[in-house]
């Protein structure tokens, strides 16, 4: 009888560890810039203004405010303004912290390019979280502005090879990234006109 109870507790403990381990991991399927541009309702270059956290719909959320400096793509459904708020899971409220792997974090003052989709609450979420986030830096050798995708240091799942690897874009001239988004936006607009 004692052996059965010990085995049962060991099994329950193992299951609990497996569930907790699974809850801490995030799997993002690799997306190209073209795929993200198609999925996004809004693509902007923006500057982080502030962060706040709160309980909402039973979860801790971080709300990050941005000043929009340039709009690279805007669908009719997107509410375009010079100021927007991004809602992402996780954050700290009081003594409780919720951390979600794959969710980007922003620092006031930093410049970013974001691939966004609107939420039913009137704010935005980032397409594929870290994949839809590019940090803008200045190349010290050339003085040129470059973009570094957050997935340059985060493993994403490549469907074709069935493997995980960090494969984000690094040191892409900002104008090249903008051109990639513009080309995809034009293709999407032409396709939409052709279906009318």
N, C-alpha and C. Protein backbone atom coordinates (compact mmCIF):
# COMPACT_ATOMS: atom_id res chain seq x y z
N UNK A 1 0.81 -1.19 0.00
CA UNK A 1 0.00 0.00 0.00
C UNK A 1 0.86 1.27 0.00
N UNK A 2 1.92 1.28 0.87
CA UNK A 2 2.82 2.43 0.92
C UNK A 2 3.54 2.61 -0.41
N UNK A 3 3.92 1.51 -1.06
CA UNK A 3 4.62 1.58 -2.34
C UNK A 3 3.71 2.20 -3.40
N UNK A 4 2.42 1.86 -3.38
CA UNK A 4 1.48 2.43 -4.34
C UNK A 4 1.34 3.94 -4.12
N UNK A 5 1.23 4.39 -2.86
CA UNK A 5 1.10 5.81 -2.57
C UNK A 5 2.36 6.58 -3.01
N UNK A 6 3.53 5.99 -2.72
CA UNK A 6 4.79 6.63 -3.11
C UNK A 6 4.88 6.76 -4.62
N UNK A 7 4.49 5.69 -5.32
CA UNK A 7 4.51 5.72 -6.79
C UNK A 7 3.53 6.76 -7.32
N UNK A 8 2.34 6.82 -6.71
CA UNK A 8 1.33 7.80 -7.14
C UNK A 8 1.84 9.23 -6.93
N UNK A 9 2.45 9.52 -5.76
CA UNK A 9 2.99 10.86 -5.51
C UNK A 9 4.15 11.19 -6.42
N UNK A 10 4.98 10.20 -6.70
CA UNK A 10 6.10 10.41 -7.62
C UNK A 10 5.58 10.73 -9.02
N UNK A 11 4.55 10.00 -9.46
CA UNK A 11 3.95 10.24 -10.77
C UNK A 11 3.33 11.63 -10.83
N UNK A 12 2.56 12.00 -9.78
CA UNK A 12 1.95 13.34 -9.75
C UNK A 12 3.01 14.44 -9.74
N UNK A 13 4.07 14.24 -8.96
CA UNK A 13 5.15 15.23 -8.92
C UNK A 13 5.83 15.39 -10.26
N UNK A 14 6.07 14.27 -10.94
CA UNK A 14 6.70 14.32 -12.27
C UNK A 14 5.80 15.05 -13.26
N UNK A 15 4.50 14.75 -13.23
CA UNK A 15 3.55 15.43 -14.13
C UNK A 15 3.53 16.93 -13.87
N UNK A 16 3.55 17.30 -12.57
CA UNK A 16 3.56 18.73 -12.23
C UNK A 16 4.80 19.43 -12.76
N UNK A 17 5.95 18.78 -12.65
CA UNK A 17 7.19 19.36 -13.18
C UNK A 17 7.13 19.52 -14.69
N UNK A 18 6.56 18.52 -15.37
CA UNK A 18 6.45 18.60 -16.83
C UNK A 18 5.52 19.74 -17.24
N UNK A 19 4.40 19.89 -16.54
CA UNK A 19 3.46 20.97 -16.85
C UNK A 19 4.12 22.32 -16.60
N UNK A 20 4.82 22.48 -15.48
CA UNK A 20 5.49 23.75 -15.18
C UNK A 20 6.56 24.06 -16.21
N UNK A 21 7.31 23.05 -16.62
CA UNK A 21 8.34 23.26 -17.64
C UNK A 21 7.74 23.69 -18.95
N UNK A 22 6.60 23.10 -19.32
CA UNK A 22 5.95 23.45 -20.58
C UNK A 22 5.39 24.86 -20.52
N UNK A 23 4.92 25.29 -19.34
CA UNK A 23 4.33 26.61 -19.20
C UNK A 23 5.36 27.71 -19.39
N UNK A 24 6.64 27.44 -19.15
CA UNK A 24 7.67 28.47 -19.26
C UNK A 24 8.26 28.59 -20.65
N UNK A 25 7.89 27.73 -21.57
CA UNK A 25 8.49 27.77 -22.90
C UNK A 25 7.52 28.36 -23.92
N UNK A 26 8.08 28.97 -24.93
CA UNK A 26 7.31 29.55 -26.01
C UNK A 26 7.89 29.06 -27.32
N UNK A 27 7.04 28.61 -28.22
CA UNK A 27 7.49 28.19 -29.54
C UNK A 27 6.93 29.15 -30.57
N UNK A 28 7.81 29.80 -31.31
CA UNK A 28 7.41 30.69 -32.39
C UNK A 28 7.89 30.10 -33.70
N UNK A 29 6.97 29.91 -34.64
CA UNK A 29 7.35 29.45 -35.98
C UNK A 29 8.03 30.61 -36.69
N UNK A 30 9.14 30.32 -37.36
CA UNK A 30 9.92 31.35 -38.06
C UNK A 30 9.07 32.01 -39.13
N UNK A 31 9.09 33.33 -39.17
CA UNK A 31 8.38 34.11 -40.19
C UNK A 31 9.37 35.02 -40.90
N UNK A 32 9.19 35.17 -42.19
CA UNK A 32 10.02 36.12 -42.95
C UNK A 32 9.45 37.52 -42.76
N UNK A 33 10.21 38.52 -43.18
CA UNK A 33 9.73 39.90 -43.12
C UNK A 33 8.47 40.03 -43.98
N UNK A 34 8.45 39.36 -45.13
CA UNK A 34 7.28 39.41 -46.01
C UNK A 34 6.05 38.82 -45.32
N UNK A 35 6.21 37.71 -44.63
CA UNK A 35 5.08 37.10 -43.93
C UNK A 35 4.58 38.01 -42.81
N UNK A 36 5.51 38.61 -42.08
CA UNK A 36 5.09 39.52 -41.00
C UNK A 36 4.42 40.77 -41.56
N UNK A 37 4.93 41.29 -42.68
CA UNK A 37 4.32 42.47 -43.29
C UNK A 37 2.89 42.16 -43.76
N UNK A 38 2.68 40.94 -44.27
CA UNK A 38 1.32 40.55 -44.68
C UNK A 38 0.41 40.42 -43.47
N UNK A 39 0.92 39.88 -42.36
CA UNK A 39 0.11 39.66 -41.16
C UNK A 39 -0.17 40.97 -40.41
N UNK A 40 0.72 41.93 -40.52
CA UNK A 40 0.59 43.18 -39.75
C UNK A 40 -0.42 44.11 -40.38
N UNK A 41 -1.21 44.76 -39.53
CA UNK A 41 -2.10 45.81 -39.99
C UNK A 41 -1.37 47.15 -40.02
N UNK A 42 -0.30 47.21 -39.23
CA UNK A 42 0.44 48.46 -39.10
C UNK A 42 1.91 48.13 -38.88
N UNK A 43 2.79 48.79 -39.63
CA UNK A 43 4.23 48.66 -39.40
C UNK A 43 4.75 50.08 -39.20
N UNK A 44 5.41 50.29 -38.05
CA UNK A 44 5.85 51.64 -37.70
C UNK A 44 7.28 51.65 -37.20
N UNK A 45 7.90 52.80 -37.38
CA UNK A 45 9.13 53.11 -36.66
C UNK A 45 8.68 54.00 -35.51
N UNK A 46 9.07 53.65 -34.28
CA UNK A 46 8.53 54.37 -33.13
C UNK A 46 9.58 54.49 -32.03
N UNK A 47 9.33 55.42 -31.11
CA UNK A 47 10.19 55.61 -29.94
C UNK A 47 9.38 55.28 -28.68
N UNK A 48 9.95 54.41 -27.84
CA UNK A 48 9.29 54.02 -26.59
C UNK A 48 9.22 55.22 -25.66
N UNK A 49 8.02 55.46 -25.10
CA UNK A 49 7.81 56.58 -24.19
C UNK A 49 7.74 56.09 -22.75
N UNK A 50 6.93 55.05 -22.49
CA UNK A 50 6.76 54.59 -21.11
C UNK A 50 6.18 53.19 -21.07
N UNK A 51 6.29 52.56 -19.89
CA UNK A 51 5.73 51.23 -19.63
C UNK A 51 4.88 51.29 -18.37
N UNK A 52 3.80 50.52 -18.36
CA UNK A 52 3.02 50.34 -17.14
C UNK A 52 2.50 48.91 -17.13
N UNK A 53 2.21 48.38 -15.95
CA UNK A 53 1.69 47.02 -15.85
C UNK A 53 0.41 47.04 -15.03
N UNK A 54 -0.47 46.08 -15.33
CA UNK A 54 -1.70 45.95 -14.56
C UNK A 54 -2.34 44.60 -14.80
N UNK A 55 -3.21 44.24 -13.88
CA UNK A 55 -4.03 43.04 -14.06
C UNK A 55 -5.11 43.38 -15.07
N UNK A 56 -5.34 42.48 -16.03
CA UNK A 56 -6.39 42.68 -17.01
C UNK A 56 -6.80 41.31 -17.53
N UNK A 57 -8.06 41.01 -17.49
CA UNK A 57 -8.60 39.74 -17.96
C UNK A 57 -7.88 38.56 -17.29
N UNK A 58 -7.62 38.67 -15.99
CA UNK A 58 -7.03 37.59 -15.23
C UNK A 58 -5.55 37.35 -15.46
N UNK A 59 -4.86 38.24 -16.15
CA UNK A 59 -3.43 38.10 -16.43
C UNK A 59 -2.73 39.43 -16.13
N UNK A 60 -1.41 39.35 -15.92
CA UNK A 60 -0.62 40.58 -15.81
C UNK A 60 -0.19 40.96 -17.22
N UNK A 61 -0.42 42.23 -17.56
CA UNK A 61 -0.07 42.75 -18.89
C UNK A 61 0.85 43.96 -18.73
N UNK A 62 1.75 44.11 -19.69
CA UNK A 62 2.56 45.33 -19.78
C UNK A 62 2.03 46.16 -20.93
N UNK A 63 1.79 47.42 -20.67
CA UNK A 63 1.31 48.36 -21.68
C UNK A 63 2.44 49.34 -21.96
N UNK A 64 2.92 49.33 -23.19
CA UNK A 64 4.03 50.21 -23.57
C UNK A 64 3.53 51.25 -24.55
N UNK A 65 3.81 52.51 -24.26
CA UNK A 65 3.39 53.62 -25.11
C UNK A 65 4.54 54.03 -26.03
N UNK A 66 4.19 54.33 -27.28
CA UNK A 66 5.17 54.72 -28.28
C UNK A 66 4.72 55.98 -29.00
N UNK A 67 5.69 56.83 -29.33
CA UNK A 67 5.47 57.92 -30.29
C UNK A 67 5.82 57.37 -31.66
N UNK A 68 4.89 57.47 -32.60
CA UNK A 68 5.13 56.98 -33.96
C UNK A 68 5.91 58.02 -34.73
N UNK A 69 7.08 57.63 -35.24
CA UNK A 69 7.92 58.55 -36.00
C UNK A 69 7.69 58.40 -37.50
N UNK A 70 7.45 57.17 -37.96
CA UNK A 70 7.16 56.91 -39.38
C UNK A 70 6.19 55.74 -39.46
N UNK A 71 5.26 55.82 -40.40
CA UNK A 71 4.36 54.70 -40.67
C UNK A 71 4.79 54.08 -41.98
N UNK A 72 5.17 52.80 -41.93
CA UNK A 72 5.66 52.10 -43.12
C UNK A 72 4.54 51.34 -43.82
N UNK A 73 3.55 50.92 -43.07
CA UNK A 73 2.39 50.23 -43.65
C UNK A 73 1.21 50.51 -42.74
N UNK A 74 0.04 50.74 -43.34
CA UNK A 74 -1.18 50.91 -42.55
C UNK A 74 -2.35 50.37 -43.35
N UNK A 75 -3.04 49.39 -42.81
CA UNK A 75 -4.25 48.88 -43.47
C UNK A 75 -5.42 49.77 -43.08
N UNK A 76 -6.51 49.60 -43.77
CA UNK A 76 -7.69 50.41 -43.48
C UNK A 76 -8.20 50.14 -42.06
N UNK A 77 -8.02 48.92 -41.58
CA UNK A 77 -8.53 48.54 -40.26
C UNK A 77 -7.71 49.14 -39.12
N UNK A 78 -6.47 49.54 -39.40
CA UNK A 78 -5.60 50.07 -38.34
C UNK A 78 -5.94 51.52 -38.05
N UNK A 79 -6.01 51.84 -36.78
CA UNK A 79 -6.26 53.21 -36.35
C UNK A 79 -4.90 53.90 -36.21
N UNK A 80 -4.51 54.66 -37.23
CA UNK A 80 -3.18 55.27 -37.28
C UNK A 80 -3.20 56.62 -36.58
N UNK A 81 -2.29 56.79 -35.63
CA UNK A 81 -2.13 58.08 -34.98
C UNK A 81 -0.65 58.26 -34.67
N UNK A 82 -0.31 59.38 -34.05
CA UNK A 82 1.10 59.64 -33.74
C UNK A 82 1.50 59.01 -32.42
N UNK A 83 0.58 58.35 -31.76
CA UNK A 83 0.83 57.76 -30.44
C UNK A 83 0.06 56.45 -30.37
N UNK A 84 0.69 55.39 -29.88
CA UNK A 84 -0.02 54.12 -29.75
C UNK A 84 0.45 53.36 -28.53
N UNK A 85 -0.37 52.39 -28.13
CA UNK A 85 -0.06 51.54 -26.98
C UNK A 85 -0.02 50.09 -27.42
N UNK A 86 1.02 49.39 -26.98
CA UNK A 86 1.19 47.97 -27.26
C UNK A 86 0.94 47.20 -25.96
N UNK A 87 0.12 46.17 -26.06
CA UNK A 87 -0.24 45.31 -24.93
C UNK A 87 0.47 43.97 -25.10
N UNK A 88 1.27 43.57 -24.09
CA UNK A 88 1.96 42.28 -24.14
C UNK A 88 1.85 41.58 -22.79
N UNK A 89 1.75 40.25 -22.82
CA UNK A 89 1.65 39.46 -21.61
C UNK A 89 2.89 39.59 -20.74
N UNK A 90 2.68 39.57 -19.43
CA UNK A 90 3.79 39.56 -18.49
C UNK A 90 4.05 40.92 -17.87
N UNK A 91 4.81 40.89 -16.79
CA UNK A 91 5.17 42.11 -16.09
C UNK A 91 5.12 41.89 -14.60
N UNK A 92 5.24 42.96 -13.84
CA UNK A 92 5.23 42.89 -12.38
C UNK A 92 4.15 43.81 -11.82
N UNK A 93 3.32 43.23 -10.97
CA UNK A 93 2.32 43.99 -10.23
C UNK A 93 2.49 43.64 -8.76
N UNK A 94 2.86 44.61 -7.95
CA UNK A 94 3.14 44.34 -6.54
C UNK A 94 4.32 43.40 -6.41
N UNK A 95 4.12 42.30 -5.67
CA UNK A 95 5.18 41.31 -5.47
C UNK A 95 5.10 40.16 -6.45
N UNK A 96 4.19 40.23 -7.40
CA UNK A 96 3.97 39.13 -8.33
C UNK A 96 4.52 39.49 -9.71
N UNK A 97 5.37 38.60 -10.25
CA UNK A 97 5.95 38.80 -11.58
C UNK A 97 5.53 37.66 -12.49
N UNK A 98 5.08 38.02 -13.68
CA UNK A 98 4.74 37.04 -14.71
C UNK A 98 5.72 37.25 -15.86
N UNK A 99 6.47 36.21 -16.19
CA UNK A 99 7.47 36.30 -17.26
C UNK A 99 7.08 35.33 -18.37
N UNK A 100 7.01 35.84 -19.60
CA UNK A 100 6.61 35.03 -20.75
C UNK A 100 7.76 35.05 -21.76
N UNK A 101 8.30 33.87 -22.05
CA UNK A 101 9.39 33.76 -23.01
C UNK A 101 8.93 34.19 -24.39
N UNK A 102 9.75 34.97 -25.07
CA UNK A 102 9.42 35.40 -26.43
C UNK A 102 8.71 36.74 -26.51
N UNK A 103 8.39 37.32 -25.35
CA UNK A 103 7.74 38.63 -25.32
C UNK A 103 8.82 39.70 -25.21
N UNK A 104 8.84 40.67 -26.12
CA UNK A 104 9.87 41.73 -26.04
C UNK A 104 9.60 42.71 -24.90
N UNK A 105 10.65 43.33 -24.43
CA UNK A 105 10.57 44.37 -23.39
C UNK A 105 11.20 45.63 -23.96
N UNK A 106 10.67 46.77 -23.59
CA UNK A 106 11.13 48.03 -24.16
C UNK A 106 11.57 48.99 -23.07
N UNK A 107 12.54 49.83 -23.41
CA UNK A 107 13.10 50.82 -22.50
C UNK A 107 12.74 52.20 -23.04
N UNK A 108 12.19 53.07 -22.20
CA UNK A 108 11.88 54.42 -22.68
C UNK A 108 13.08 55.07 -23.36
N UNK A 109 12.82 55.68 -24.51
CA UNK A 109 13.85 56.35 -25.28
C UNK A 109 14.39 55.54 -26.44
N UNK A 110 14.19 54.22 -26.44
CA UNK A 110 14.77 53.43 -27.52
C UNK A 110 13.90 53.47 -28.78
N UNK A 111 14.58 53.39 -29.95
CA UNK A 111 13.91 53.40 -31.25
C UNK A 111 13.74 51.98 -31.74
N UNK A 112 12.55 51.70 -32.29
CA UNK A 112 12.24 50.34 -32.76
C UNK A 112 11.40 50.40 -34.03
N UNK A 113 11.37 49.27 -34.73
CA UNK A 113 10.40 49.05 -35.80
C UNK A 113 9.51 47.92 -35.32
N UNK A 114 8.19 48.13 -35.38
CA UNK A 114 7.23 47.16 -34.87
C UNK A 114 6.24 46.75 -35.95
N UNK A 115 5.98 45.45 -36.03
CA UNK A 115 4.95 44.90 -36.91
C UNK A 115 3.75 44.64 -36.00
N UNK A 116 2.65 45.37 -36.20
CA UNK A 116 1.56 45.39 -35.23
C UNK A 116 0.24 44.88 -35.80
N UNK A 117 -0.57 44.33 -34.90
CA UNK A 117 -1.95 43.98 -35.22
C UNK A 117 -2.82 44.56 -34.11
N UNK A 118 -3.98 45.07 -34.48
CA UNK A 118 -4.84 45.70 -33.48
C UNK A 118 -5.54 44.63 -32.65
N UNK A 119 -5.87 45.00 -31.42
CA UNK A 119 -6.60 44.10 -30.52
C UNK A 119 -8.04 44.62 -30.44
N UNK A 120 -8.95 43.78 -29.97
CA UNK A 120 -10.35 44.23 -29.81
C UNK A 120 -10.49 45.37 -28.80
N UNK A 121 -9.47 45.61 -27.98
CA UNK A 121 -9.54 46.65 -26.95
C UNK A 121 -9.07 48.02 -27.44
N UNK A 122 -8.66 48.10 -28.71
CA UNK A 122 -8.25 49.39 -29.27
C UNK A 122 -6.77 49.67 -29.18
N UNK A 123 -6.00 48.76 -28.58
CA UNK A 123 -4.55 48.93 -28.57
C UNK A 123 -3.94 47.93 -29.56
N UNK A 124 -2.66 47.64 -29.44
CA UNK A 124 -2.00 46.78 -30.41
C UNK A 124 -1.22 45.66 -29.73
N UNK A 125 -0.97 44.60 -30.49
CA UNK A 125 -0.06 43.54 -30.11
C UNK A 125 0.98 43.43 -31.22
N UNK A 126 2.11 42.82 -30.91
CA UNK A 126 3.18 42.69 -31.91
C UNK A 126 3.06 41.34 -32.59
N UNK A 127 3.09 41.34 -33.92
CA UNK A 127 3.05 40.11 -34.70
C UNK A 127 4.21 39.22 -34.27
N UNK A 128 3.92 38.03 -33.81
CA UNK A 128 4.91 37.04 -33.43
C UNK A 128 5.95 37.57 -32.43
N UNK A 129 5.50 38.47 -31.56
CA UNK A 129 6.27 39.02 -30.45
C UNK A 129 7.69 39.44 -30.81
N UNK A 130 8.72 38.65 -30.41
CA UNK A 130 10.10 39.10 -30.66
C UNK A 130 10.43 39.14 -32.14
N UNK A 131 9.74 38.33 -32.96
CA UNK A 131 10.05 38.37 -34.40
C UNK A 131 9.62 39.68 -35.03
N UNK A 132 8.52 40.24 -34.55
CA UNK A 132 8.01 41.49 -35.11
C UNK A 132 8.60 42.72 -34.47
N UNK A 133 9.74 42.55 -33.78
CA UNK A 133 10.41 43.64 -33.09
C UNK A 133 11.84 43.80 -33.60
N UNK A 134 12.17 44.99 -34.08
CA UNK A 134 13.51 45.30 -34.56
C UNK A 134 14.02 46.51 -33.78
N UNK A 135 15.23 46.40 -33.23
CA UNK A 135 15.86 47.52 -32.50
C UNK A 135 16.71 48.31 -33.48
N UNK A 136 16.62 49.62 -33.42
CA UNK A 136 17.39 50.49 -34.31
C UNK A 136 18.66 50.94 -33.58
N UNK A 137 19.77 50.76 -34.26
CA UNK A 137 21.08 51.16 -33.73
C UNK A 137 21.81 51.96 -34.81
N UNK A 138 22.92 52.56 -34.44
CA UNK A 138 23.76 53.25 -35.41
C UNK A 138 25.05 52.46 -35.56
N UNK A 139 25.41 52.13 -36.81
CA UNK A 139 26.67 51.44 -37.10
C UNK A 139 27.81 52.41 -36.80
N UNK A 140 28.67 52.05 -35.86
CA UNK A 140 29.75 52.95 -35.44
C UNK A 140 30.77 53.19 -36.55
N UNK A 141 30.92 52.23 -37.47
CA UNK A 141 31.89 52.39 -38.57
C UNK A 141 31.36 53.31 -39.66
N UNK A 142 30.09 53.14 -40.01
CA UNK A 142 29.54 53.88 -41.16
C UNK A 142 28.65 55.04 -40.77
N UNK A 143 28.14 55.03 -39.53
CA UNK A 143 27.20 56.05 -39.10
C UNK A 143 25.79 55.77 -39.59
N UNK A 144 25.60 54.69 -40.34
CA UNK A 144 24.30 54.33 -40.92
C UNK A 144 23.40 53.69 -39.85
N UNK A 145 22.10 53.97 -39.94
CA UNK A 145 21.15 53.33 -39.02
C UNK A 145 20.91 51.89 -39.48
N UNK A 146 20.95 50.97 -38.51
CA UNK A 146 20.74 49.56 -38.81
C UNK A 146 19.65 49.01 -37.89
N UNK A 147 19.08 47.88 -38.30
CA UNK A 147 18.03 47.23 -37.51
C UNK A 147 18.49 45.83 -37.14
N UNK A 148 18.19 45.44 -35.91
CA UNK A 148 18.51 44.11 -35.43
C UNK A 148 17.22 43.49 -34.90
N UNK A 149 16.84 42.38 -35.49
CA UNK A 149 15.62 41.69 -35.08
C UNK A 149 15.84 41.01 -33.73
N UNK A 150 14.85 41.09 -32.85
CA UNK A 150 14.99 40.48 -31.52
C UNK A 150 15.25 38.98 -31.60
N UNK A 151 14.83 38.31 -32.65
CA UNK A 151 15.05 36.86 -32.75
C UNK A 151 16.49 36.53 -33.13
N UNK A 152 17.35 37.53 -33.27
CA UNK A 152 18.77 37.25 -33.49
C UNK A 152 19.35 36.49 -32.30
N UNK A 153 18.69 36.60 -31.15
CA UNK A 153 19.16 35.88 -29.96
C UNK A 153 18.06 35.01 -29.34
N UNK A 154 17.04 34.66 -30.10
CA UNK A 154 15.93 33.84 -29.60
C UNK A 154 15.64 32.73 -30.61
N UNK A 155 15.61 31.51 -30.15
CA UNK A 155 15.36 30.38 -31.05
C UNK A 155 13.92 30.38 -31.56
N UNK A 156 13.79 30.26 -32.87
CA UNK A 156 12.48 30.08 -33.49
C UNK A 156 12.47 28.75 -34.21
N UNK A 157 11.29 28.26 -34.48
CA UNK A 157 11.13 26.94 -35.09
C UNK A 157 11.02 27.10 -36.60
N UNK A 158 11.92 26.44 -37.34
CA UNK A 158 11.87 26.45 -38.80
C UNK A 158 11.09 25.22 -39.24
N UNK A 159 9.93 25.46 -39.84
CA UNK A 159 9.03 24.38 -40.23
C UNK A 159 9.70 23.45 -41.24
N UNK A 160 10.40 24.00 -42.21
CA UNK A 160 11.00 23.18 -43.27
C UNK A 160 12.04 22.20 -42.73
N UNK A 161 12.88 22.66 -41.80
CA UNK A 161 13.95 21.80 -41.28
C UNK A 161 13.57 21.11 -39.97
N UNK A 162 12.44 21.50 -39.39
CA UNK A 162 12.00 20.95 -38.09
C UNK A 162 13.05 21.17 -37.00
N UNK A 163 13.70 22.34 -37.02
CA UNK A 163 14.74 22.63 -36.04
C UNK A 163 14.52 24.01 -35.44
N UNK A 164 15.03 24.18 -34.23
CA UNK A 164 15.04 25.47 -33.57
C UNK A 164 16.40 26.11 -33.75
N UNK A 165 16.41 27.41 -34.06
CA UNK A 165 17.68 28.13 -34.08
C UNK A 165 17.43 29.62 -34.06
N UNK A 166 18.40 30.35 -33.54
CA UNK A 166 18.33 31.80 -33.52
C UNK A 166 18.69 32.28 -34.92
N UNK A 167 17.74 32.90 -35.59
CA UNK A 167 17.97 33.24 -37.00
C UNK A 167 17.39 34.60 -37.37
N UNK A 168 17.43 35.53 -36.46
CA UNK A 168 16.90 36.85 -36.77
C UNK A 168 17.84 37.65 -37.65
N UNK A 169 17.31 38.68 -38.27
CA UNK A 169 18.11 39.56 -39.12
C UNK A 169 18.98 40.45 -38.24
N UNK A 170 20.23 40.62 -38.65
CA UNK A 170 21.18 41.44 -37.89
C UNK A 170 21.80 42.49 -38.79
N UNK A 171 21.95 43.67 -38.24
CA UNK A 171 22.68 44.75 -38.91
C UNK A 171 22.16 45.04 -40.32
N UNK A 172 20.84 45.02 -40.49
CA UNK A 172 20.23 45.33 -41.77
C UNK A 172 20.09 46.85 -41.86
N UNK A 173 20.61 47.47 -42.92
CA UNK A 173 20.39 48.91 -43.05
C UNK A 173 18.89 49.22 -42.94
N UNK A 174 18.56 50.23 -42.17
CA UNK A 174 17.16 50.55 -41.91
C UNK A 174 16.37 50.76 -43.19
N UNK A 175 16.98 51.41 -44.17
CA UNK A 175 16.28 51.64 -45.45
C UNK A 175 16.00 50.33 -46.18
N UNK A 176 16.88 49.34 -46.03
CA UNK A 176 16.63 48.03 -46.66
C UNK A 176 15.42 47.34 -46.02
N UNK A 177 15.33 47.43 -44.68
CA UNK A 177 14.17 46.84 -43.99
C UNK A 177 12.89 47.55 -44.43
N UNK A 178 12.95 48.86 -44.52
CA UNK A 178 11.76 49.62 -44.96
C UNK A 178 11.38 49.22 -46.39
N UNK A 179 12.36 49.02 -47.24
CA UNK A 179 12.08 48.61 -48.62
C UNK A 179 11.42 47.23 -48.67
N UNK A 180 11.86 46.30 -47.80
CA UNK A 180 11.24 44.98 -47.75
C UNK A 180 9.76 45.08 -47.38
N UNK A 181 9.46 45.94 -46.41
CA UNK A 181 8.07 46.13 -45.98
C UNK A 181 7.27 46.80 -47.09
N UNK A 182 7.85 47.81 -47.75
CA UNK A 182 7.15 48.53 -48.81
C UNK A 182 6.82 47.63 -49.98
N UNK A 183 7.77 46.80 -50.38
CA UNK A 183 7.53 45.88 -51.50
C UNK A 183 6.38 44.94 -51.16
N UNK A 184 6.39 44.37 -49.97
CA UNK A 184 5.33 43.44 -49.57
C UNK A 184 3.99 44.16 -49.46
N UNK A 185 3.99 45.40 -48.97
CA UNK A 185 2.75 46.17 -48.87
C UNK A 185 2.16 46.44 -50.24
N UNK A 186 3.03 46.76 -51.22
CA UNK A 186 2.57 47.01 -52.59
C UNK A 186 2.00 45.73 -53.20
N UNK A 187 2.66 44.61 -53.00
CA UNK A 187 2.19 43.33 -53.54
C UNK A 187 0.83 43.00 -52.94
N UNK A 188 0.68 43.18 -51.62
CA UNK A 188 -0.59 42.90 -50.95
C UNK A 188 -1.70 43.80 -51.48
N UNK A 189 -1.40 45.08 -51.68
CA UNK A 189 -2.40 46.02 -52.19
C UNK A 189 -2.82 45.66 -53.61
N UNK A 190 -1.87 45.28 -54.45
CA UNK A 190 -2.18 44.89 -55.83
C UNK A 190 -3.05 43.64 -55.84
N UNK A 191 -2.69 42.66 -55.01
CA UNK A 191 -3.49 41.43 -54.92
C UNK A 191 -4.90 41.71 -54.45
N UNK A 192 -5.04 42.65 -53.47
CA UNK A 192 -6.37 42.98 -52.95
C UNK A 192 -7.21 43.66 -54.03
N UNK A 193 -6.59 44.51 -54.85
CA UNK A 193 -7.33 45.17 -55.94
C UNK A 193 -7.76 44.16 -56.99
N UNK A 194 -6.92 43.16 -57.22
CA UNK A 194 -7.24 42.14 -58.23
C UNK A 194 -8.38 41.25 -57.84
N UNK A 195 -8.69 41.15 -56.54
CA UNK A 195 -9.78 40.29 -56.10
C UNK A 195 -11.11 41.03 -56.02
N UNK A 196 -11.10 42.32 -56.30
CA UNK A 196 -12.37 43.10 -56.23
C UNK A 196 -13.17 42.91 -57.49
